[in-house]
Protein backbone atom coordinates (compact mmCIF):
# COMPACT_ATOMS: atom_id res chain seq x y z
CA MET A 1 -42.37 -13.76 285.89
CA SER A 2 -39.57 -14.26 288.36
CA ASP A 3 -40.09 -15.50 292.15
CA GLN A 4 -38.35 -12.39 292.76
CA LEU A 5 -40.16 -9.91 290.69
CA LYS A 6 -43.50 -11.57 292.08
CA GLN A 7 -42.27 -11.07 295.68
CA ASN A 8 -41.20 -7.50 295.20
CA ILE A 9 -44.28 -6.16 293.14
CA GLY A 10 -46.28 -7.81 296.14
CA LEU A 11 -44.48 -5.99 298.67
CA ARG A 12 -45.19 -2.63 296.53
CA VAL A 13 -48.54 -3.52 296.48
CA LYS A 14 -48.62 -4.48 300.26
CA THR A 15 -46.96 -1.32 301.33
CA ILE A 16 -49.12 0.85 299.23
CA ARG A 17 -52.18 -0.57 300.56
CA ASN A 18 -51.25 -0.14 303.94
CA GLN A 19 -50.29 3.58 303.46
CA ARG A 20 -54.03 3.93 301.87
CA LYS A 21 -55.28 2.59 304.86
CA LEU A 22 -56.95 -0.38 303.16
CA THR A 23 -57.35 -3.58 304.27
CA GLN A 24 -56.97 -6.89 301.74
CA ALA A 25 -60.37 -7.23 301.64
CA GLN A 26 -61.06 -3.65 300.63
CA LEU A 27 -58.70 -3.83 298.02
CA ALA A 28 -59.89 -6.90 296.80
CA GLU A 29 -63.69 -5.82 296.68
CA ALA A 30 -62.71 -2.31 294.98
CA ILE A 31 -61.05 -4.51 291.98
CA ASP A 32 -63.75 -7.62 292.14
CA LYS A 33 -61.18 -10.24 293.41
CA THR A 34 -61.26 -12.70 296.13
CA PHE A 35 -59.07 -11.46 299.51
CA GLU A 36 -57.33 -14.41 298.46
CA ALA A 37 -56.09 -13.42 295.44
CA ILE A 38 -54.87 -10.32 296.98
CA SER A 39 -53.18 -12.34 300.01
CA ASN A 40 -51.12 -14.60 297.35
CA LEU A 41 -50.05 -11.63 295.41
CA GLU A 42 -48.85 -9.39 298.27
CA ARG A 43 -46.61 -12.88 299.36
CA GLY A 44 -45.52 -13.23 296.04
CA LYS A 45 -47.01 -16.43 295.56
CA THR A 46 -48.92 -15.09 292.20
CA ALA A 47 -48.23 -12.80 289.87
CA PRO A 48 -51.05 -10.43 288.70
CA ASN A 49 -51.85 -9.85 285.08
CA PHE A 50 -51.35 -6.48 283.59
CA SER A 51 -55.23 -6.00 283.96
CA THR A 52 -55.57 -6.55 287.30
CA LEU A 53 -52.11 -4.36 288.09
CA ALA A 54 -53.89 -1.69 286.60
CA ASP A 55 -56.91 -1.88 288.60
CA ILE A 56 -55.03 -2.03 291.59
CA ALA A 57 -52.81 1.20 290.18
CA ARG A 58 -56.03 2.96 289.84
CA VAL A 59 -57.59 1.87 293.41
CA LEU A 60 -54.31 2.80 295.13
CA GLN A 61 -54.07 6.17 293.19
CA VAL A 62 -50.66 5.20 291.99
CA PRO A 63 -49.28 4.98 288.24
CA MET A 64 -48.56 1.42 287.56
CA ARG A 65 -44.51 2.20 287.22
CA GLU A 66 -44.99 2.24 290.79
CA PHE A 67 -45.04 -1.09 291.15
CA PHE A 68 -41.70 -1.83 289.13
CA GLU A 69 -39.48 1.24 289.87
CA GLY A 70 -36.20 0.92 291.61
CA ILE A 71 -36.71 -2.69 291.95
CA ASP A 72 -33.41 -4.27 292.90
CA ALA A 73 -33.03 -8.19 293.24
CA GLU A 74 -30.03 -7.27 295.87
CA LEU A 75 -31.98 -5.16 298.34
CA SER A 76 -33.55 -6.87 301.49
CA GLU A 77 -37.32 -6.84 301.76
CA ASP A 78 -37.14 -4.00 304.44
CA ARG A 79 -34.99 -1.80 302.23
CA GLN A 80 -37.30 -2.48 299.38
CA GLU A 81 -40.31 -1.77 301.40
CA LEU A 82 -38.43 1.71 302.66
CA PHE A 83 -37.73 3.01 299.14
CA THR A 84 -41.14 2.08 298.19
CA LYS A 85 -42.34 4.34 301.27
CA LEU A 86 -40.00 6.77 300.45
CA ASN A 87 -40.88 7.23 296.70
CA LEU A 88 -44.61 7.22 297.50
CA LEU A 89 -44.15 10.13 299.92
CA ALA A 90 -41.83 12.23 297.48
CA SER A 91 -44.41 11.83 294.51
CA GLN A 92 -46.98 13.58 296.69
CA MET A 93 -44.87 16.73 297.27
CA ASP A 94 -44.88 19.85 295.52
CA ASP A 95 -41.71 20.89 293.72
CA GLU A 96 -40.87 23.24 296.91
CA THR A 97 -41.58 20.43 299.53
CA LEU A 98 -39.34 17.78 297.48
CA GLU A 99 -36.45 20.44 297.48
CA LEU A 100 -36.90 20.64 301.60
CA TYR A 101 -36.95 16.64 301.43
CA LEU A 102 -33.69 16.34 299.47
CA LYS A 103 -32.06 18.87 301.93
CA LEU A 104 -33.27 17.24 304.73
CA GLY A 105 -31.38 13.76 303.34
CA ASP A 106 -28.42 15.53 302.96
CA VAL A 107 -28.30 16.81 306.58
CA LEU A 108 -29.16 13.57 307.69
CA LEU A 109 -26.14 12.07 305.72
CA GLU A 110 -23.69 14.53 306.97
CA GLN A 111 -24.75 13.21 310.45
CA ARG A 112 -23.84 9.89 309.90
CA LYS A 113 -20.25 10.60 308.57
């Protein structure tokens, strides 16, 4: 696994974990790993195996694809984190709310022109 991919997956795990208001220690305990293992994963120092990533997805209540969708090596870490937060937020909305979310995005884009 490339270093960039490890960093992107780690950033997504960290972002979602923080949104779920879990500490690294709490996530580690929930998946029977060490705090250090979670820290290394989130910093992109180590790559999780499939089983560990599945366990993390289960605890964070997201599909595994959430760790991979939209990964773009050209984006900054801050922008990757923003996209992750937006995707997670959108995934929790019903269709009507999602439509409003899109309309709000359109209005914001118009304001920037």
